[in-house]
Amino acid sequence: MEPKVQVAIGRSFLSRLPEAALAQLLEGSSVETVPAGTTTYRAGSEPRVSLIVSGLFRTFLVGPDGRQVTIRYAREGDVFGVATLFGGPAPLHGQALTDAERLRIDRDRLIELAHADTAVALALAEELTVTAHALWQEIAAAAFATVPQRVARHLLEIAARDQDTDSGTLVAQVSQQELADLAGSVREVVARALRELRDNAIVSVNRSGITVLDPTALAARAWPRDVGH
């Protein structure tokens, strides 16, 4: 097993599975490369489970008018699709925000192991609890986030929506006033938030838009690990 896969497993709930069960689950699995901008899941598609080995992903909802709202950013060690094991297809979309890698996990085998081994079932229950808590925290973050946090979040959402799938470049075509309106603030406050992001080499600002130079760092500003994991 590649070291990077071992690290990702160590950061995931999979590390709590019995060794024999984990070995069975990983048998025949392989790492897939996912280019930035790739849509990795569409609402209602066949359920699947994958471990993120590297990169940054997001899951989001799309409204009737086409507007998007991100409900989760996921990084190394996060596992997508656990909620679909027994609940069927998810009403969400998935997207890679950076070049990334993921380990596809045999969904049927994981279900079989959960039925056969209470330790596996317990680990899955614990992971679902973590997911539920993250969603609760997301509701709180949407209501109580600071202006810089809201700016970071909206920048990621807008840039991800229009991401160039050929180059993977993330550019938010939005003015400072529009950002201020989205964040529920004023232009001067948003300008300060952008200046801090620019000074930390997280974004660059020019006439063509706001380019996200470091999506992972920007996601950390919008989605703290201890809140949104």
C-alpha atoms as a PDB file:
ATOM      1  CA  MET A   1       0.000   0.000   0.000  1.00  0.00           C
ATOM      2  CA  GLU A   2       1.302   3.433  -0.929  1.00  0.00           C
ATOM      3  CA  PRO A   3       2.406   5.625   2.006  1.00  0.00           C
ATOM      4  CA  LYS A   4      -0.010   8.400   1.017  1.00  0.00           C
ATOM      5  CA  VAL A   5      -2.907   5.939   1.152  1.00  0.00           C
ATOM      6  CA  GLN A   6      -1.787   4.739   4.572  1.00  0.00           C
ATOM      7  CA  VAL A   7      -1.712   8.332   5.816  1.00  0.00           C
ATOM      8  CA  ALA A   8      -5.220   9.008   4.482  1.00  0.00           C
ATOM      9  CA  ILE A   9      -6.551   5.812   6.067  1.00  0.00           C
ATOM     10  CA  GLY A  10      -4.926   6.772   9.355  1.00  0.00           C
ATOM     11  CA  ARG A  11      -6.848  10.049   9.332  1.00  0.00           C
ATOM     12  CA  SER A  12     -10.156   8.420   8.479  1.00  0.00           C
ATOM     13  CA  PHE A  13     -12.681   6.275  10.332  1.00  0.00           C
ATOM     14  CA  LEU A  14     -11.259   3.311   8.404  1.00  0.00           C
ATOM     15  CA  SER A  15      -8.373   3.251  10.868  1.00  0.00           C
ATOM     16  CA  ARG A  16     -10.847   2.024  13.507  1.00  0.00           C
ATOM     17  CA  LEU A  17     -11.825  -1.060  11.523  1.00  0.00           C
ATOM     18  CA  PRO A  18     -10.427  -4.455  12.585  1.00  0.00           C
ATOM     19  CA  GLU A  19      -7.296  -5.305  10.575  1.00  0.00           C
ATOM     20  CA  ALA A  20      -8.906  -8.301   8.882  1.00  0.00           C
ATOM     21  CA  ALA A  21     -11.971  -6.288   7.851  1.00  0.00           C
ATOM     22  CA  LEU A  22      -9.833  -3.426   6.547  1.00  0.00           C
ATOM     23  CA  ALA A  23      -7.708  -5.842   4.523  1.00  0.00           C
ATOM     24  CA  GLN A  24     -10.858  -7.314   2.962  1.00  0.00           C
ATOM     25  CA  LEU A  25     -12.237  -3.872   2.195  1.00  0.00           C
ATOM     26  CA  LEU A  26      -9.057  -2.691   0.484  1.00  0.00           C
ATOM     27  CA  GLU A  27      -8.455  -5.849  -1.508  1.00  0.00           C
ATOM     28  CA  GLY A  28      -8.198  -4.954  -5.186  1.00  0.00           C
ATOM     29  CA  SER A  29      -8.707  -1.223  -4.582  1.00  0.00           C
ATOM     30  CA  SER A  30      -6.688   1.380  -6.469  1.00  0.00           C
ATOM     31  CA  VAL A  31      -6.058   5.116  -6.362  1.00  0.00           C
ATOM     32  CA  GLU A  32      -7.723   7.276  -9.014  1.00  0.00           C
ATOM     33  CA  THR A  33      -6.443  10.650 -10.180  1.00  0.00           C
ATOM     34  CA  VAL A  34      -9.113  13.349 -10.387  1.00  0.00           C
ATOM     35  CA  PRO A  35      -8.318  16.544 -12.336  1.00  0.00           C
ATOM     36  CA  ALA A  36      -9.351  19.893 -10.876  1.00  0.00           C
ATOM     37  CA  GLY A  37     -12.848  20.913 -11.929  1.00  0.00           C
ATOM     38  CA  THR A  38     -14.108  17.355 -12.392  1.00  0.00           C
ATOM     39  CA  THR A  39     -17.693  16.690 -11.355  1.00  0.00           C
ATOM     40  CA  THR A  40     -17.268  13.556  -9.272  1.00  0.00           C
ATOM     41  CA  TYR A  41     -20.905  12.924  -8.428  1.00  0.00           C
ATOM     42  CA  ARG A  42     -24.282  14.114  -9.680  1.00  0.00           C
ATOM     43  CA  ALA A  43     -27.435  14.157  -7.586  1.00  0.00           C
ATOM     44  CA  GLY A  44     -29.302  10.876  -7.793  1.00  0.00           C
ATOM     45  CA  SER A  45     -26.426   8.941  -9.362  1.00  0.00           C
ATOM     46  CA  GLU A  46     -25.432   5.450  -8.306  1.00  0.00           C
ATOM     47  CA  PRO A  47     -24.142   5.584  -4.704  1.00  0.00           C
ATOM     48  CA  ARG A  48     -20.423   5.064  -4.202  1.00  0.00           C
ATOM     49  CA  VAL A  49     -17.865   5.393  -1.465  1.00  0.00           C
ATOM     50  CA  SER A  50     -14.363   6.835  -1.728  1.00  0.00           C
ATOM     51  CA  LEU A  51     -11.511   7.888   0.550  1.00  0.00           C
ATOM     52  CA  ILE A  52      -9.816  11.168  -0.288  1.00  0.00           C
ATOM     53  CA  VAL A  53      -6.078  10.613  -0.532  1.00  0.00           C
ATOM     54  CA  SER A  54      -5.107  14.138  -1.573  1.00  0.00           C
ATOM     55  CA  GLY A  55      -6.646  17.385  -2.791  1.00  0.00           C
ATOM     56  CA  LEU A  56      -9.771  19.355  -1.978  1.00  0.00           C
ATOM     57  CA  PHE A  57     -13.349  18.413  -2.861  1.00  0.00           C
ATOM     58  CA  ARG A  58     -16.712  19.938  -2.173  1.00  0.00           C
ATOM     59  CA  THR A  59     -20.302  18.679  -2.112  1.00  0.00           C
ATOM     60  CA  PHE A  60     -23.092  21.097  -2.933  1.00  0.00           C
ATOM     61  CA  LEU A  61     -26.789  21.509  -3.573  1.00  0.00           C
ATOM     62  CA  VAL A  62     -28.236  23.189  -6.653  1.00  0.00           C
ATOM     63  CA  GLY A  63     -31.472  25.157  -6.386  1.00  0.00           C
ATOM     64  CA  PRO A  64     -34.236  25.391  -9.010  1.00  0.00           C
ATOM     65  CA  ASP A  65     -32.757  28.703 -10.213  1.00  0.00           C
ATOM     66  CA  GLY A  66     -29.268  27.209 -10.607  1.00  0.00           C
ATOM     67  CA  ARG A  67     -27.770  28.770  -7.504  1.00  0.00           C
ATOM     68  CA  GLN A  68     -25.369  26.563  -5.584  1.00  0.00           C
ATOM     69  CA  VAL A  69     -24.674  26.178  -1.887  1.00  0.00           C
ATOM     70  CA  THR A  70     -21.687  24.224  -0.643  1.00  0.00           C
ATOM     71  CA  ILE A  71     -22.466  22.008   2.322  1.00  0.00           C
ATOM     72  CA  ARG A  72     -19.087  20.365   2.835  1.00  0.00           C
ATOM     73  CA  TYR A  73     -15.439  20.711   1.923  1.00  0.00           C
ATOM     74  CA  ALA A  74     -13.506  17.471   2.149  1.00  0.00           C
ATOM     75  CA  ARG A  75      -9.790  16.797   2.346  1.00  0.00           C
ATOM     76  CA  GLU A  76      -7.295  14.023   2.906  1.00  0.00           C
ATOM     77  CA  GLY A  77      -8.768  11.375   5.212  1.00  0.00           C
ATOM     78  CA  ASP A  78     -12.404  12.254   4.599  1.00  0.00           C
ATOM     79  CA  VAL A  79     -14.686   9.542   3.213  1.00  0.00           C
ATOM     80  CA  PHE A  80     -17.469  10.380   0.795  1.00  0.00           C
ATOM     81  CA  GLY A  81     -20.611   8.300   0.451  1.00  0.00           C
ATOM     82  CA  VAL A  82     -21.043   6.733   3.892  1.00  0.00           C
ATOM     83  CA  ALA A  83     -24.552   8.152   4.179  1.00  0.00           C
ATOM     84  CA  THR A  84     -25.527   6.432   0.923  1.00  0.00           C
ATOM     85  CA  LEU A  85     -24.691   2.947   2.204  1.00  0.00           C
ATOM     86  CA  PHE A  86     -28.179   2.425   3.567  1.00  0.00           C
ATOM     87  CA  GLY A  87     -29.956   5.564   2.397  1.00  0.00           C
ATOM     88  CA  GLY A  88     -29.559   5.303  -1.354  1.00  0.00           C
ATOM     89  CA  PRO A  89     -28.468   8.047  -3.794  1.00  0.00           C
ATOM     90  CA  ALA A  90     -27.639  11.468  -2.360  1.00  0.00           C
ATOM     91  CA  PRO A  91     -29.334  14.681  -3.569  1.00  0.00           C
ATOM     92  CA  LEU A  92     -25.908  16.306  -3.824  1.00  0.00           C
ATOM     93  CA  HIS A  93     -23.256  17.046  -6.407  1.00  0.00           C
ATOM     94  CA  GLY A  94     -19.534  16.512  -5.909  1.00  0.00           C
ATOM     95  CA  GLN A  95     -16.616  18.402  -7.440  1.00  0.00           C
ATOM     96  CA  ALA A  96     -12.823  18.367  -7.209  1.00  0.00           C
ATOM     97  CA  LEU A  97     -11.568  21.899  -6.568  1.00  0.00           C
ATOM     98  CA  THR A  98      -7.915  20.930  -7.025  1.00  0.00           C
ATOM     99  CA  ASP A  99      -6.066  18.102  -8.700  1.00  0.00           C
ATOM    100  CA  ALA A 100      -6.793  15.246  -6.344  1.00  0.00           C
ATOM    101  CA  GLU A 101      -6.613  11.532  -5.694  1.00  0.00           C
ATOM    102  CA  ARG A 102      -9.175   9.195  -4.216  1.00  0.00           C
ATOM    103  CA  LEU A 103      -9.380   5.551  -3.296  1.00  0.00           C
ATOM    104  CA  ARG A 104     -12.587   3.929  -4.506  1.00  0.00           C
ATOM    105  CA  ILE A 105     -14.044   1.602  -1.886  1.00  0.00           C
ATOM    106  CA  ASP A 106     -16.227  -1.379  -2.702  1.00  0.00           C
ATOM    107  CA  ARG A 107     -19.614  -0.235  -1.378  1.00  0.00           C
ATOM    108  CA  ASP A 108     -21.221  -3.691  -1.382  1.00  0.00           C
ATOM    109  CA  ARG A 109     -18.271  -5.193   0.458  1.00  0.00           C
ATOM    110  CA  LEU A 110     -18.432  -2.482   3.098  1.00  0.00           C
ATOM    111  CA  ILE A 111     -22.137  -3.214   3.649  1.00  0.00           C
ATOM    112  CA  GLU A 112     -21.413  -6.945   3.937  1.00  0.00           C
ATOM    113  CA  LEU A 113     -18.670  -6.292   6.494  1.00  0.00           C
ATOM    114  CA  ALA A 114     -21.010  -4.066   8.509  1.00  0.00           C
ATOM    115  CA  HIS A 115     -23.586  -6.855   8.664  1.00  0.00           C
ATOM    116  CA  ALA A 116     -20.971  -9.431   9.641  1.00  0.00           C
ATOM    117  CA  ASP A 117     -18.843  -7.447  12.111  1.00  0.00           C
ATOM    118  CA  THR A 118     -20.282  -5.208  14.814  1.00  0.00           C
ATOM    119  CA  ALA A 119     -16.967  -3.328  15.035  1.00  0.00           C
ATOM    120  CA  VAL A 120     -17.375  -2.235  11.411  1.00  0.00           C
ATOM    121  CA  ALA A 121     -21.015  -1.292  12.001  1.00  0.00           C
ATOM    122  CA  LEU A 122     -20.024   0.752  15.062  1.00  0.00           C
ATOM    123  CA  ALA A 123     -17.306   2.588  13.118  1.00  0.00           C
ATOM    124  CA  LEU A 124     -19.854   3.454  10.431  1.00  0.00           C
ATOM    125  CA  ALA A 125     -22.322   4.687  13.060  1.00  0.00           C
ATOM    126  CA  GLU A 126     -19.633   6.889  14.579  1.00  0.00           C
ATOM    127  CA  GLU A 127     -18.750   8.310  11.149  1.00  0.00           C
ATOM    128  CA  LEU A 128     -22.399   9.089  10.433  1.00  0.00           C
ATOM    129  CA  THR A 129     -22.606  10.881  13.776  1.00  0.00           C
ATOM    130  CA  VAL A 130     -19.576  13.002  12.845  1.00  0.00           C
ATOM    131  CA  THR A 131     -21.243  13.835   9.521  1.00  0.00           C
ATOM    132  CA  ALA A 132     -24.475  14.864  11.238  1.00  0.00           C
ATOM    133  CA  HIS A 133     -22.576  17.099  13.663  1.00  0.00           C
ATOM    134  CA  ALA A 134     -20.726  18.700  10.742  1.00  0.00           C
ATOM    135  CA  LEU A 135     -24.012  19.544   9.067  1.00  0.00           C
ATOM    136  CA  TRP A 136     -25.326  21.102  12.269  1.00  0.00           C
ATOM    137  CA  GLN A 137     -22.162  23.160  12.519  1.00  0.00           C
ATOM    138  CA  GLU A 138     -22.619  24.214   8.898  1.00  0.00           C
ATOM    139  CA  ILE A 139     -26.020  25.662   9.730  1.00  0.00           C
ATOM    140  CA  ALA A 140     -24.441  27.591  12.594  1.00  0.00           C
ATOM    141  CA  ALA A 141     -21.549  28.756  10.402  1.00  0.00           C
ATOM    142  CA  ALA A 142     -23.947  30.031   7.741  1.00  0.00           C
ATOM    143  CA  ALA A 143     -25.782  32.036  10.397  1.00  0.00           C
ATOM    144  CA  PHE A 144     -22.917  33.251  12.574  1.00  0.00           C
ATOM    145  CA  ALA A 145     -19.754  33.312  10.415  1.00  0.00           C
ATOM    146  CA  THR A 146     -17.642  36.468  10.385  1.00  0.00           C
ATOM    147  CA  VAL A 147     -17.454  38.633   7.277  1.00  0.00           C
ATOM    148  CA  PRO A 148     -13.967  37.319   6.299  1.00  0.00           C
ATOM    149  CA  GLN A 149     -15.275  33.758   6.639  1.00  0.00           C
ATOM    150  CA  ARG A 150     -18.306  34.536   4.489  1.00  0.00           C
ATOM    151  CA  VAL A 151     -16.112  36.222   1.887  1.00  0.00           C
ATOM    152  CA  ALA A 152     -13.838  33.181   1.710  1.00  0.00           C
ATOM    153  CA  ARG A 153     -16.808  30.874   1.405  1.00  0.00           C
ATOM    154  CA  HIS A 154     -18.509  32.858  -1.356  1.00  0.00           C
ATOM    155  CA  LEU A 155     -15.243  33.182  -3.284  1.00  0.00           C
ATOM    156  CA  LEU A 156     -14.848  29.412  -3.295  1.00  0.00           C
ATOM    157  CA  GLU A 157     -18.450  28.814  -4.277  1.00  0.00           C
ATOM    158  CA  ILE A 158     -18.404  31.305  -7.150  1.00  0.00           C
ATOM    159  CA  ALA A 159     -14.999  30.178  -8.419  1.00  0.00           C
ATOM    160  CA  ALA A 160     -15.986  26.504  -8.204  1.00  0.00           C
ATOM    161  CA  ARG A 161     -19.225  27.109 -10.085  1.00  0.00           C
ATOM    162  CA  ASP A 162     -17.352  28.520 -13.109  1.00  0.00           C
ATOM    163  CA  GLN A 163     -14.134  26.526 -12.822  1.00  0.00           C
ATOM    164  CA  ASP A 164     -12.213  25.985 -16.059  1.00  0.00           C
ATOM    165  CA  THR A 165     -12.168  22.209 -16.434  1.00  0.00           C
ATOM    166  CA  ASP A 166      -9.242  22.342 -18.890  1.00  0.00           C
ATOM    167  CA  SER A 167      -6.803  24.315 -16.752  1.00  0.00           C
ATOM    168  CA  GLY A 168      -8.419  23.744 -13.357  1.00  0.00           C
ATOM    169  CA  THR A 169      -8.053  27.476 -12.648  1.00  0.00           C
ATOM    170  CA  LEU A 170     -10.404  28.899 -10.029  1.00  0.00           C
ATOM    171  CA  VAL A 171     -11.463  32.458 -10.830  1.00  0.00           C
ATOM    172  CA  ALA A 172     -14.388  34.176  -9.135  1.00  0.00           C
ATOM    173  CA  GLN A 173     -16.000  36.592 -11.582  1.00  0.00           C
ATOM    174  CA  VAL A 174     -17.421  38.870  -8.937  1.00  0.00           C
ATOM    175  CA  SER A 175     -16.973  42.494  -7.909  1.00  0.00           C
ATOM    176  CA  GLN A 176     -16.165  43.639  -4.400  1.00  0.00           C
ATOM    177  CA  GLN A 177     -19.602  45.202  -4.145  1.00  0.00           C
ATOM    178  CA  GLU A 178     -21.254  41.941  -5.192  1.00  0.00           C
ATOM    179  CA  LEU A 179     -19.186  40.098  -2.596  1.00  0.00           C
ATOM    180  CA  ALA A 180     -20.268  42.622   0.001  1.00  0.00           C
ATOM    181  CA  ASP A 181     -23.909  42.037  -0.915  1.00  0.00           C
ATOM    182  CA  LEU A 182     -23.465  38.255  -0.682  1.00  0.00           C
ATOM    183  CA  ALA A 183     -21.668  38.524   2.648  1.00  0.00           C
ATOM    184  CA  GLY A 184     -24.189  40.953   4.081  1.00  0.00           C
ATOM    185  CA  SER A 185     -21.540  43.618   4.636  1.00  0.00           C
ATOM    186  CA  VAL A 186     -20.136  46.769   3.038  1.00  0.00           C
ATOM    187  CA  ARG A 187     -17.489  47.135   0.342  1.00  0.00           C
ATOM    188  CA  GLU A 188     -14.847  48.597   2.650  1.00  0.00           C
ATOM    189  CA  VAL A 189     -14.974  45.607   5.021  1.00  0.00           C
ATOM    190  CA  VAL A 190     -14.856  43.143   2.135  1.00  0.00           C
ATOM    191  CA  ALA A 191     -11.894  45.013   0.622  1.00  0.00           C
ATOM    192  CA  ARG A 192      -9.965  44.540   3.882  1.00  0.00           C
ATOM    193  CA  ALA A 193     -10.783  40.832   3.901  1.00  0.00           C
ATOM    194  CA  LEU A 194      -9.586  40.480   0.304  1.00  0.00           C
ATOM    195  CA  ARG A 195      -6.427  42.432   1.057  1.00  0.00           C
ATOM    196  CA  GLU A 196      -5.569  40.012   3.872  1.00  0.00           C
ATOM    197  CA  LEU A 197      -6.150  37.035   1.568  1.00  0.00           C
ATOM    198  CA  ARG A 198      -3.988  38.655  -1.112  1.00  0.00           C
ATOM    199  CA  ASP A 199      -1.190  39.468   1.346  1.00  0.00           C
ATOM    200  CA  ASN A 200      -1.132  35.811   2.375  1.00  0.00           C
ATOM    201  CA  ALA A 201      -0.911  34.685  -1.286  1.00  0.00           C
ATOM    202  CA  ILE A 202      -4.281  32.935  -1.074  1.00  0.00           C
ATOM    203  CA  VAL A 203      -5.896  34.992  -3.860  1.00  0.00           C
ATOM    204  CA  SER A 204      -4.882  37.519  -6.479  1.00  0.00           C
ATOM    205  CA  VAL A 205      -7.140  40.357  -7.539  1.00  0.00           C
ATOM    206  CA  ASN A 206      -7.191  41.849 -11.030  1.00  0.00           C
ATOM    207  CA  ARG A 207      -9.607  43.086 -13.675  1.00  0.00           C
ATOM    208  CA  SER A 208     -10.411  39.559 -14.844  1.00  0.00           C
ATOM    209  CA  GLY A 209     -11.653  38.568 -11.400  1.00  0.00           C
ATOM    210  CA  ILE A 210     -10.379  37.108  -8.165  1.00  0.00           C
ATOM    211  CA  THR A 211      -8.119  34.119  -8.773  1.00  0.00           C
ATOM    212  CA  VAL A 212      -7.891  31.514  -6.039  1.00  0.00           C
ATOM    213  CA  LEU A 213      -4.188  30.657  -5.719  1.00  0.00           C
ATOM    214  CA  ASP A 214      -4.492  28.346  -2.714  1.00  0.00           C
ATOM    215  CA  PRO A 215      -7.926  26.674  -2.549  1.00  0.00           C
ATOM    216  CA  THR A 216      -7.016  24.611   0.510  1.00  0.00           C
ATOM    217  CA  ALA A 217      -5.984  27.676   2.505  1.00  0.00           C
ATOM    218  CA  LEU A 218      -9.098  29.539   1.381  1.00  0.00           C
ATOM    219  CA  ALA A 219     -11.309  26.608   2.405  1.00  0.00           C
ATOM    220  CA  ALA A 220      -9.641  26.615   5.811  1.00  0.00           C
ATOM    221  CA  ARG A 221     -10.626  30.278   6.213  1.00  0.00           C
ATOM    222  CA  ALA A 222     -14.234  29.474   5.304  1.00  0.00           C
ATOM    223  CA  TRP A 223     -14.540  26.044   6.832  1.00  0.00           C
ATOM    224  CA  PRO A 224     -12.357  25.517   9.928  1.00  0.00           C
ATOM    225  CA  ARG A 225     -11.323  21.896  10.350  1.00  0.00           C
ATOM    226  CA  ASP A 226     -12.628  21.697  13.904  1.00  0.00           C
ATOM    227  CA  VAL A 227     -16.038  22.944  12.779  1.00  0.00           C
ATOM    228  CA  GLY A 228     -16.679  21.468   9.380  1.00  0.00           C
ATOM    229  CA  HIS A 229     -14.904  18.126   9.374  1.00  0.00           C
END
